[in-house]
Amino acid sequence: MFDYYELLFGLLVVCFAAIVVYLAYIYERKKNDKQLLHLHELMKEIKSIKTILDKIEKKIK
């Protein structure tokens, strides 16, 4: 009888651990997506600044 309860408890622990790992993965993925979005916006700003500086350089010459 105790083997059944131990097996059931072990199964519940494994399921709980799997859920925790899955939720941690989802959280990290969302965090990385936000960081990539900010990086993409930053790169767009840098490119626009570069084009403005190139235009200013052409006008000076």
N, C-alpha and C. Protein backbone atom coordinates (compact mmCIF):
# COMPACT_ATOMS: atom_id res chain seq x y z
N MET A 1 0.81 -1.19 0.00
CA MET A 1 0.00 0.00 0.00
C MET A 1 0.87 1.27 0.00
N PHE A 2 1.98 1.26 0.73
CA PHE A 2 2.85 2.43 0.78
C PHE A 2 3.54 2.66 -0.55
N ASP A 3 3.81 1.62 -1.29
CA ASP A 3 4.46 1.78 -2.58
C ASP A 3 3.59 2.58 -3.53
N TYR A 4 2.29 2.36 -3.47
CA TYR A 4 1.36 3.08 -4.33
C TYR A 4 1.39 4.57 -4.01
N TYR A 5 1.37 4.93 -2.73
CA TYR A 5 1.40 6.34 -2.34
C TYR A 5 2.75 6.98 -2.67
N GLU A 6 3.81 6.27 -2.49
CA GLU A 6 5.13 6.79 -2.84
C GLU A 6 5.23 7.03 -4.35
N LEU A 7 4.70 6.12 -5.12
CA LEU A 7 4.71 6.27 -6.57
C LEU A 7 3.86 7.46 -6.99
N LEU A 8 2.69 7.60 -6.39
CA LEU A 8 1.81 8.73 -6.69
C LEU A 8 2.46 10.05 -6.29
N PHE A 9 3.09 10.08 -5.12
CA PHE A 9 3.78 11.30 -4.67
C PHE A 9 4.94 11.64 -5.61
N GLY A 10 5.70 10.64 -6.02
CA GLY A 10 6.80 10.87 -6.95
C GLY A 10 6.31 11.41 -8.28
N LEU A 11 5.20 10.87 -8.76
CA LEU A 11 4.62 11.34 -10.02
C LEU A 11 4.16 12.79 -9.90
N LEU A 12 3.55 13.14 -8.77
CA LEU A 12 3.12 14.51 -8.55
C LEU A 12 4.31 15.47 -8.49
N VAL A 13 5.39 15.04 -7.86
CA VAL A 13 6.58 15.88 -7.77
C VAL A 13 7.17 16.11 -9.16
N VAL A 14 7.23 15.08 -9.96
CA VAL A 14 7.77 15.20 -11.32
C VAL A 14 6.89 16.12 -12.15
N CYS A 15 5.58 15.99 -12.04
CA CYS A 15 4.67 16.88 -12.79
C CYS A 15 4.83 18.33 -12.35
N PHE A 16 4.94 18.55 -11.05
CA PHE A 16 5.13 19.90 -10.53
C PHE A 16 6.44 20.50 -11.04
N ALA A 17 7.50 19.71 -11.03
CA ALA A 17 8.80 20.19 -11.52
C ALA A 17 8.73 20.52 -13.00
N ALA A 18 8.02 19.70 -13.77
CA ALA A 18 7.89 19.96 -15.20
C ALA A 18 7.14 21.27 -15.45
N ILE A 19 6.11 21.54 -14.65
CA ILE A 19 5.34 22.77 -14.80
C ILE A 19 6.20 23.98 -14.44
N VAL A 20 6.97 23.87 -13.37
CA VAL A 20 7.84 24.98 -12.96
C VAL A 20 8.89 25.27 -14.03
N VAL A 21 9.49 24.25 -14.59
CA VAL A 21 10.50 24.44 -15.64
C VAL A 21 9.86 25.07 -16.88
N TYR A 22 8.67 24.63 -17.24
CA TYR A 22 7.98 25.18 -18.40
C TYR A 22 7.67 26.67 -18.19
N LEU A 23 7.16 27.02 -17.01
CA LEU A 23 6.84 28.42 -16.74
C LEU A 23 8.10 29.29 -16.73
N ALA A 24 9.20 28.75 -16.20
CA ALA A 24 10.46 29.50 -16.22
C ALA A 24 10.93 29.72 -17.66
N TYR A 25 10.76 28.72 -18.51
CA TYR A 25 11.15 28.84 -19.91
C TYR A 25 10.31 29.92 -20.60
N ILE A 26 9.01 29.92 -20.37
CA ILE A 26 8.13 30.92 -20.98
C ILE A 26 8.54 32.32 -20.50
N TYR A 27 8.81 32.47 -19.21
CA TYR A 27 9.20 33.77 -18.68
C TYR A 27 10.50 34.27 -19.32
N GLU A 28 11.48 33.41 -19.42
CA GLU A 28 12.76 33.80 -20.02
C GLU A 28 12.61 34.14 -21.49
N ARG A 29 11.77 33.40 -22.19
CA ARG A 29 11.56 33.67 -23.62
C ARG A 29 10.92 35.04 -23.81
N LYS A 30 9.93 35.37 -22.98
CA LYS A 30 9.30 36.68 -23.08
C LYS A 30 10.28 37.79 -22.75
N LYS A 31 11.12 37.56 -21.76
CA LYS A 31 12.12 38.56 -21.38
C LYS A 31 13.11 38.77 -22.52
N ASN A 32 13.55 37.70 -23.15
CA ASN A 32 14.49 37.81 -24.27
C ASN A 32 13.84 38.49 -25.47
N ASP A 33 12.55 38.21 -25.71
CA ASP A 33 11.85 38.87 -26.82
C ASP A 33 11.79 40.37 -26.60
N LYS A 34 11.54 40.79 -25.36
CA LYS A 34 11.50 42.23 -25.07
C LYS A 34 12.87 42.86 -25.28
N GLN A 35 13.93 42.17 -24.87
CA GLN A 35 15.28 42.68 -25.05
C GLN A 35 15.61 42.80 -26.53
N LEU A 36 15.20 41.81 -27.33
CA LEU A 36 15.46 41.88 -28.76
C LEU A 36 14.69 43.02 -29.41
N LEU A 37 13.48 43.27 -28.95
CA LEU A 37 12.69 44.37 -29.48
C LEU A 37 13.37 45.70 -29.18
N HIS A 38 13.86 45.87 -27.96
CA HIS A 38 14.57 47.10 -27.61
C HIS A 38 15.85 47.24 -28.42
N LEU A 39 16.55 46.15 -28.63
CA LEU A 39 17.78 46.18 -29.43
C LEU A 39 17.46 46.57 -30.87
N HIS A 40 16.38 46.03 -31.42
CA HIS A 40 15.99 46.37 -32.79
C HIS A 40 15.65 47.85 -32.90
N GLU A 41 14.91 48.39 -31.92
CA GLU A 41 14.58 49.82 -31.94
C GLU A 41 15.84 50.67 -31.82
N LEU A 42 16.76 50.24 -30.99
CA LEU A 42 18.02 50.97 -30.84
C LEU A 42 18.80 50.98 -32.14
N MET A 43 18.85 49.85 -32.83
CA MET A 43 19.56 49.78 -34.11
C MET A 43 18.91 50.70 -35.14
N LYS A 44 17.59 50.78 -35.15
CA LYS A 44 16.90 51.69 -36.07
C LYS A 44 17.27 53.14 -35.78
N GLU A 45 17.34 53.49 -34.51
CA GLU A 45 17.72 54.86 -34.14
C GLU A 45 19.16 55.15 -34.56
N ILE A 46 20.05 54.21 -34.36
CA ILE A 46 21.45 54.40 -34.74
C ILE A 46 21.57 54.58 -36.26
N LYS A 47 20.82 53.80 -37.03
CA LYS A 47 20.86 53.94 -38.49
C LYS A 47 20.33 55.29 -38.93
N SER A 48 19.26 55.76 -38.28
CA SER A 48 18.73 57.07 -38.67
C SER A 48 19.72 58.18 -38.31
N ILE A 49 20.39 58.07 -37.18
CA ILE A 49 21.40 59.06 -36.81
C ILE A 49 22.55 59.03 -37.82
N LYS A 50 22.93 57.84 -38.25
CA LYS A 50 24.02 57.70 -39.23
C LYS A 50 23.64 58.36 -40.55
N THR A 51 22.40 58.17 -40.99
CA THR A 51 21.98 58.80 -42.26
C THR A 51 21.96 60.32 -42.12
N ILE A 52 21.54 60.81 -40.99
CA ILE A 52 21.54 62.27 -40.78
C ILE A 52 22.97 62.80 -40.79
N LEU A 53 23.87 62.10 -40.14
CA LEU A 53 25.27 62.53 -40.14
C LEU A 53 25.87 62.46 -41.54
N ASP A 54 25.49 61.45 -42.31
CA ASP A 54 25.98 61.37 -43.70
C ASP A 54 25.45 62.54 -44.52
N LYS A 55 24.20 62.93 -44.33
CA LYS A 55 23.64 64.07 -45.06
C LYS A 55 24.36 65.37 -44.68
N ILE A 56 24.64 65.51 -43.38
CA ILE A 56 25.35 66.70 -42.93
C ILE A 56 26.76 66.73 -43.53
N GLU A 57 27.41 65.59 -43.57
CA GLU A 57 28.76 65.52 -44.14
C GLU A 57 28.75 65.89 -45.63
N LYS A 58 27.74 65.43 -46.37
CA LYS A 58 27.65 65.76 -47.79
C LYS A 58 27.42 67.26 -47.99
N LYS A 59 26.62 67.86 -47.12
CA LYS A 59 26.36 69.31 -47.25
C LYS A 59 27.60 70.12 -46.93
N ILE A 60 28.41 69.64 -46.02
CA ILE A 60 29.63 70.36 -45.67
C ILE A 60 30.61 70.32 -46.83
N LYS A 61 30.67 69.19 -47.53
CA LYS A 61 31.61 69.06 -48.66
C LYS A 61 31.06 69.79 -49.82
